[in-house]
PDB file of N, CA and C in Angstrom:
ATOM      1  N   MET A   1       0.844  -1.158   0.000  1.00  0.00           N
ATOM      2  CA  MET A   1       0.000   0.000   0.000  1.00  0.00           C
ATOM      3  C   MET A   1       0.893   1.225   0.000  1.00  0.00           C
ATOM      4  N   ARG A   2       0.347   2.317  -0.507  1.00  0.00           N
ATOM      5  CA  ARG A   2       1.134   3.544  -0.636  1.00  0.00           C
ATOM      6  C   ARG A   2       0.309   4.744  -0.174  1.00  0.00           C
ATOM      7  N   ARG A   3       0.976   5.653   0.560  1.00  0.00           N
ATOM      8  CA  ARG A   3       0.342   6.897   0.976  1.00  0.00           C
ATOM      9  C   ARG A   3       1.342   8.021   0.769  1.00  0.00           C
ATOM     10  N   ASP A   4       0.933   9.037   0.008  1.00  0.00           N
ATOM     11  CA  ASP A   4       1.791  10.191  -0.239  1.00  0.00           C
ATOM     12  C   ASP A   4       1.462  11.303   0.748  1.00  0.00           C
ATOM     13  N   GLU A   5       2.506  11.899   1.315  1.00  0.00           N
ATOM     14  CA  GLU A   5       2.371  13.061   2.201  1.00  0.00           C
ATOM     15  C   GLU A   5       3.370  14.105   1.726  1.00  0.00           C
ATOM     16  N   GLY A   6       2.908  14.996   0.868  1.00  0.00           N
ATOM     17  CA  GLY A   6       3.809  16.010   0.311  1.00  0.00           C
ATOM     18  C   GLY A   6       4.883  15.340  -0.521  1.00  0.00           C
ATOM     19  N   ASP A   7       6.146  15.596  -0.166  1.00  0.00           N
ATOM     20  CA  ASP A   7       7.243  15.015  -0.927  1.00  0.00           C
ATOM     21  C   ASP A   7       7.759  13.697  -0.334  1.00  0.00           C
ATOM     22  N   VAL A   8       7.016  13.140   0.623  1.00  0.00           N
ATOM     23  CA  VAL A   8       7.386  11.866   1.243  1.00  0.00           C
ATOM     24  C   VAL A   8       6.303  10.836   0.937  1.00  0.00           C
ATOM     25  N   THR A   9       6.718   9.631   0.590  1.00  0.00           N
ATOM     26  CA  THR A   9       5.778   8.548   0.330  1.00  0.00           C
ATOM     27  C   THR A   9       6.007   7.429   1.336  1.00  0.00           C
ATOM     28  N   HIS A  10       4.918   6.956   1.938  1.00  0.00           N
ATOM     29  CA  HIS A  10       4.967   5.853   2.901  1.00  0.00           C
ATOM     30  C   HIS A  10       4.450   4.592   2.211  1.00  0.00           C
ATOM     31  N   PHE A  11       5.109   3.471   2.461  1.00  0.00           N
ATOM     32  CA  PHE A  11       4.682   2.198   1.916  1.00  0.00           C
ATOM     33  C   PHE A  11       4.379   1.246   3.056  1.00  0.00           C
ATOM     34  N   LEU A  12       3.333   0.452   2.897  1.00  0.00           N
ATOM     35  CA  LEU A  12       2.997  -0.606   3.840  1.00  0.00           C
ATOM     36  C   LEU A  12       3.093  -1.911   3.070  1.00  0.00           C
ATOM     37  N   LEU A  13       4.026  -2.747   3.461  1.00  0.00           N
ATOM     38  CA  LEU A  13       4.244  -4.026   2.804  1.00  0.00           C
ATOM     39  C   LEU A  13       3.619  -5.122   3.650  1.00  0.00           C
ATOM     40  N   ILE A  14       2.764  -5.910   3.041  1.00  0.00           N
ATOM     41  CA  ILE A  14       2.109  -7.026   3.729  1.00  0.00           C
ATOM     42  C   ILE A  14       2.567  -8.313   3.076  1.00  0.00           C
ATOM     43  N   THR A  15       3.092  -9.224   3.883  1.00  0.00           N
ATOM     44  CA  THR A  15       3.487 -10.529   3.377  1.00  0.00           C
ATOM     45  C   THR A  15       2.721 -11.594   4.141  1.00  0.00           C
ATOM     46  N   ILE A  16       2.525 -12.726   3.511  1.00  0.00           N
ATOM     47  CA  ILE A  16       1.815 -13.837   4.150  1.00  0.00           C
ATOM     48  C   ILE A  16       2.785 -15.008   4.267  1.00  0.00           C
ATOM     49  N   TRP A  17       2.909 -15.526   5.470  1.00  0.00           N
ATOM     50  CA  TRP A  17       3.834 -16.613   5.775  1.00  0.00           C
ATOM     51  C   TRP A  17       3.059 -17.844   6.216  1.00  0.00           C
ATOM     52  N   ASP A  18       3.645 -18.997   6.004  1.00  0.00           N
ATOM     53  CA  ASP A  18       3.027 -20.252   6.447  1.00  0.00           C
ATOM     54  C   ASP A  18       3.071 -20.408   7.959  1.00  0.00           C
ATOM     55  N   SER A  19       4.119 -19.863   8.585  1.00  0.00           N
ATOM     56  CA  SER A  19       4.286 -20.038  10.031  1.00  0.00           C
ATOM     57  C   SER A  19       5.322 -19.050  10.560  1.00  0.00           C
ATOM     58  N   ILE A  20       5.346 -18.909  11.875  1.00  0.00           N
ATOM     59  CA  ILE A  20       6.389 -18.113  12.529  1.00  0.00           C
ATOM     60  C   ILE A  20       7.742 -18.761  12.283  1.00  0.00           C
ATOM     61  N   GLU A  21       7.783 -20.087  12.252  1.00  0.00           N
ATOM     62  CA  GLU A  21       9.037 -20.798  11.993  1.00  0.00           C
ATOM     63  C   GLU A  21       9.611 -20.428  10.628  1.00  0.00           C
ATOM     64  N   ALA A  22       8.759 -20.288   9.624  1.00  0.00           N
ATOM     65  CA  ALA A  22       9.213 -19.886   8.289  1.00  0.00           C
ATOM     66  C   ALA A  22       9.797 -18.476   8.331  1.00  0.00           C
ATOM     67  N   MET A  23       9.182 -17.609   9.118  1.00  0.00           N
ATOM     68  CA  MET A  23       9.700 -16.247   9.268  1.00  0.00           C
ATOM     69  C   MET A  23      11.060 -16.275   9.959  1.00  0.00           C
ATOM     70  N   LYS A  24      11.190 -17.087  11.007  1.00  0.00           N
ATOM     71  CA  LYS A  24      12.466 -17.204  11.722  1.00  0.00           C
ATOM     72  C   LYS A  24      13.563 -17.682  10.781  1.00  0.00           C
ATOM     73  N   HIS A  25      13.239 -18.633   9.927  1.00  0.00           N
ATOM     74  CA  HIS A  25      14.222 -19.158   8.981  1.00  0.00           C
ATOM     75  C   HIS A  25      14.664 -18.054   8.008  1.00  0.00           C
ATOM     76  N   PHE A  26      13.726 -17.265   7.518  1.00  0.00           N
ATOM     77  CA  PHE A  26      14.050 -16.186   6.584  1.00  0.00           C
ATOM     78  C   PHE A  26      14.895 -15.106   7.244  1.00  0.00           C
ATOM     79  N   ILE A  27      14.476 -14.677   8.426  1.00  0.00           N
ATOM     80  CA  ILE A  27      15.134 -13.551   9.092  1.00  0.00           C
ATOM     81  C   ILE A  27      16.439 -13.971   9.765  1.00  0.00           C
ATOM     82  N   GLY A  28      16.553 -15.268  10.086  1.00  0.00           N
ATOM     83  CA  GLY A  28      17.754 -15.753  10.757  1.00  0.00           C
ATOM     84  C   GLY A  28      17.725 -15.516  12.249  1.00  0.00           C
ATOM     85  N   GLY A  29      16.544 -15.549  12.830  1.00  0.00           N
ATOM     86  CA  GLY A  29      16.438 -15.342  14.273  1.00  0.00           C
ATOM     87  C   GLY A  29      15.086 -14.797  14.658  1.00  0.00           C
ATOM     88  N   ASP A  30      15.086 -13.645  15.317  1.00  0.00           N
ATOM     89  CA  ASP A  30      13.888 -13.005  15.855  1.00  0.00           C
ATOM     90  C   ASP A  30      12.962 -12.540  14.725  1.00  0.00           C
ATOM     91  N   PRO A  31      11.776 -13.155  14.572  1.00  0.00           N
ATOM     92  CA  PRO A  31      10.889 -12.769  13.475  1.00  0.00           C
ATOM     93  C   PRO A  31      10.259 -11.392  13.642  1.00  0.00           C
ATOM     94  N   TRP A  32      10.355 -10.794  14.839  1.00  0.00           N
ATOM     95  CA  TRP A  32       9.787  -9.468  15.065  1.00  0.00           C
ATOM     96  C   TRP A  32      10.798  -8.367  14.766  1.00  0.00           C
ATOM     97  N   LYS A  33      12.033  -8.745  14.470  1.00  0.00           N
ATOM     98  CA  LYS A  33      13.069  -7.747  14.139  1.00  0.00           C
ATOM     99  C   LYS A  33      13.052  -7.519  12.629  1.00  0.00           C
ATOM    100  N   ALA A  34      12.969  -6.265  12.227  1.00  0.00           N
ATOM    101  CA  ALA A  34      12.919  -5.919  10.806  1.00  0.00           C
ATOM    102  C   ALA A  34      14.217  -6.321  10.112  1.00  0.00           C
ATOM    103  N   LYS A  35      14.088  -6.781   8.878  1.00  0.00           N
ATOM    104  CA  LYS A  35      15.264  -7.179   8.087  1.00  0.00           C
ATOM    105  C   LYS A  35      15.474  -6.160   6.971  1.00  0.00           C
ATOM    106  N   TYR A  36      16.700  -5.685   6.839  1.00  0.00           N
ATOM    107  CA  TYR A  36      17.044  -4.713   5.810  1.00  0.00           C
ATOM    108  C   TYR A  36      18.243  -5.201   5.023  1.00  0.00           C
ATOM    109  N   TYR A  37      18.420  -4.627   3.855  1.00  0.00           N
ATOM    110  CA  TYR A  37      19.537  -4.938   2.973  1.00  0.00           C
ATOM    111  C   TYR A  37      20.373  -3.681   2.798  1.00  0.00           C
ATOM    112  N   PRO A  38      21.677  -3.817   2.471  1.00  0.00           N
ATOM    113  CA  PRO A  38      22.547  -2.631   2.364  1.00  0.00           C
ATOM    114  C   PRO A  38      22.006  -1.549   1.426  1.00  0.00           C
ATOM    115  N   GLU A  39      21.391  -1.935   0.333  1.00  0.00           N
ATOM    116  CA  GLU A  39      20.891  -0.938  -0.621  1.00  0.00           C
ATOM    117  C   GLU A  39      19.664  -0.175  -0.109  1.00  0.00           C
ATOM    118  N   ASP A  40      19.041  -0.647   0.978  1.00  0.00           N
ATOM    119  CA  ASP A  40      17.877   0.048   1.532  1.00  0.00           C
ATOM    120  C   ASP A  40      18.216   1.465   1.992  1.00  0.00           C
ATOM    121  N   ASP A  41      19.450   1.688   2.402  1.00  0.00           N
ATOM    122  CA  ASP A  41      19.852   3.008   2.900  1.00  0.00           C
ATOM    123  C   ASP A  41      19.669   4.115   1.862  1.00  0.00           C
ATOM    124  N   GLN A  42      19.771   3.792   0.590  1.00  0.00           N
ATOM    125  CA  GLN A  42      19.630   4.833  -0.436  1.00  0.00           C
ATOM    126  C   GLN A  42      18.174   5.176  -0.725  1.00  0.00           C
ATOM    127  N   TYR A  43      17.224   4.383  -0.208  1.00  0.00           N
ATOM    128  CA  TYR A  43      15.806   4.608  -0.490  1.00  0.00           C
ATOM    129  C   TYR A  43      14.974   4.990   0.740  1.00  0.00           C
ATOM    130  N   LEU A  44      15.380   4.535   1.905  1.00  0.00           N
ATOM    131  CA  LEU A  44      14.571   4.737   3.107  1.00  0.00           C
ATOM    132  C   LEU A  44      15.022   5.953   3.902  1.00  0.00           C
ATOM    133  N   LEU A  45      14.055   6.744   4.381  1.00  0.00           N
ATOM    134  CA  LEU A  45      14.362   7.883   5.248  1.00  0.00           C
ATOM    135  C   LEU A  45      14.584   7.430   6.680  1.00  0.00           C
ATOM    136  N   GLU A  46      13.885   6.385   7.061  1.00  0.00           N
ATOM    137  CA  GLU A  46      14.042   5.818   8.403  1.00  0.00           C
ATOM    138  C   GLU A  46      13.754   4.330   8.340  1.00  0.00           C
ATOM    139  N   LYS A  47      14.244   3.601   9.339  1.00  0.00           N
ATOM    140  CA  LYS A  47      14.043   2.159   9.376  1.00  0.00           C
ATOM    141  C   LYS A  47      13.430   1.771  10.718  1.00  0.00           C
ATOM    142  N   GLU A  48      12.330   1.071  10.637  1.00  0.00           N
ATOM    143  CA  GLU A  48      11.694   0.553  11.846  1.00  0.00           C
ATOM    144  C   GLU A  48      12.572  -0.562  12.424  1.00  0.00           C
ATOM    145  N   GLU A  49      12.664  -0.636  13.745  1.00  0.00           N
ATOM    146  CA  GLU A  49      13.458  -1.702  14.358  1.00  0.00           C
ATOM    147  C   GLU A  49      12.694  -3.021  14.381  1.00  0.00           C
ATOM    148  N   HIS A  50      11.382  -2.930  14.589  1.00  0.00           N
ATOM    149  CA  HIS A  50      10.570  -4.136  14.692  1.00  0.00           C
ATOM    150  C   HIS A  50       9.397  -4.087  13.716  1.00  0.00           C
ATOM    151  N   ILE A  51       8.887  -5.261  13.393  1.00  0.00           N
ATOM    152  CA  ILE A  51       7.719  -5.360  12.518  1.00  0.00           C
ATOM    153  C   ILE A  51       6.494  -5.683  13.355  1.00  0.00           C
ATOM    154  N   LYS A  52       5.338  -5.570  12.750  1.00  0.00           N
ATOM    155  CA  LYS A  52       4.084  -5.960  13.401  1.00  0.00           C
ATOM    156  C   LYS A  52       3.614  -7.254  12.754  1.00  0.00           C
ATOM    157  N   ILE A  53       3.228  -8.202  13.572  1.00  0.00           N
ATOM    158  CA  ILE A  53       2.751  -9.495  13.077  1.00  0.00           C
ATOM    159  C   ILE A  53       1.269  -9.604  13.399  1.00  0.00           C
ATOM    160  N   TYR A  54       0.483  -9.889  12.369  1.00  0.00           N
ATOM    161  CA  TYR A  54      -0.962 -10.079  12.506  1.00  0.00           C
ATOM    162  C   TYR A  54      -1.314 -11.481  12.053  1.00  0.00           C
ATOM    163  N   LYS A  55      -2.332 -12.047  12.655  1.00  0.00           N
ATOM    164  CA  LYS A  55      -2.840 -13.355  12.211  1.00  0.00           C
ATOM    165  C   LYS A  55      -4.035 -13.139  11.317  1.00  0.00           C
ATOM    166  N   ILE A  56      -4.146 -13.941  10.264  1.00  0.00           N
ATOM    167  CA  ILE A  56      -5.307 -13.894   9.399  1.00  0.00           C
ATOM    168  C   ILE A  56      -6.467 -14.555  10.148  1.00  0.00           C
ATOM    169  N   PHE A  57      -7.562 -13.836  10.281  1.00  0.00           N
ATOM    170  CA  PHE A  57      -8.679 -14.379  11.042  1.00  0.00           C
ATOM    171  C   PHE A  57      -9.810 -14.895  10.153  1.00  0.00           C
ATOM    172  N   TYR A  58      -9.691 -14.672   8.840  1.00  0.00           N
ATOM    173  CA  TYR A  58     -10.734 -15.148   7.951  1.00  0.00           C
ATOM    174  C   TYR A  58     -10.128 -15.513   6.614  1.00  0.00           C
ATOM    175  N   GLU A  59     -10.435 -16.673   6.130  1.00  0.00           N
ATOM    176  CA  GLU A  59     -10.036 -17.100   4.804  1.00  0.00           C
ATOM    177  C   GLU A  59     -11.259 -17.671   4.095  1.00  0.00           C
ATOM    178  N   SER A  60     -11.453 -17.313   2.838  1.00  0.00           N
ATOM    179  CA  SER A  60     -12.632 -17.819   2.122  1.00  0.00           C
ATOM    180  C   SER A  60     -12.327 -19.125   1.433  1.00  0.00           C
TER     181      SER A  60
END
């Protein structure tokens, strides 16, 4: 999702995982700690330290 505020744009990225274990494997440890790559510094104004985890409560 994207929200523009003047000359700054905010993005909300939503990913769906099979399990917390799958997230731990991807992140290499704490699944609540945000993962960044070296090239992110040239695009991001700030970096969140932690992510928010939500459970899907309805599937059709």
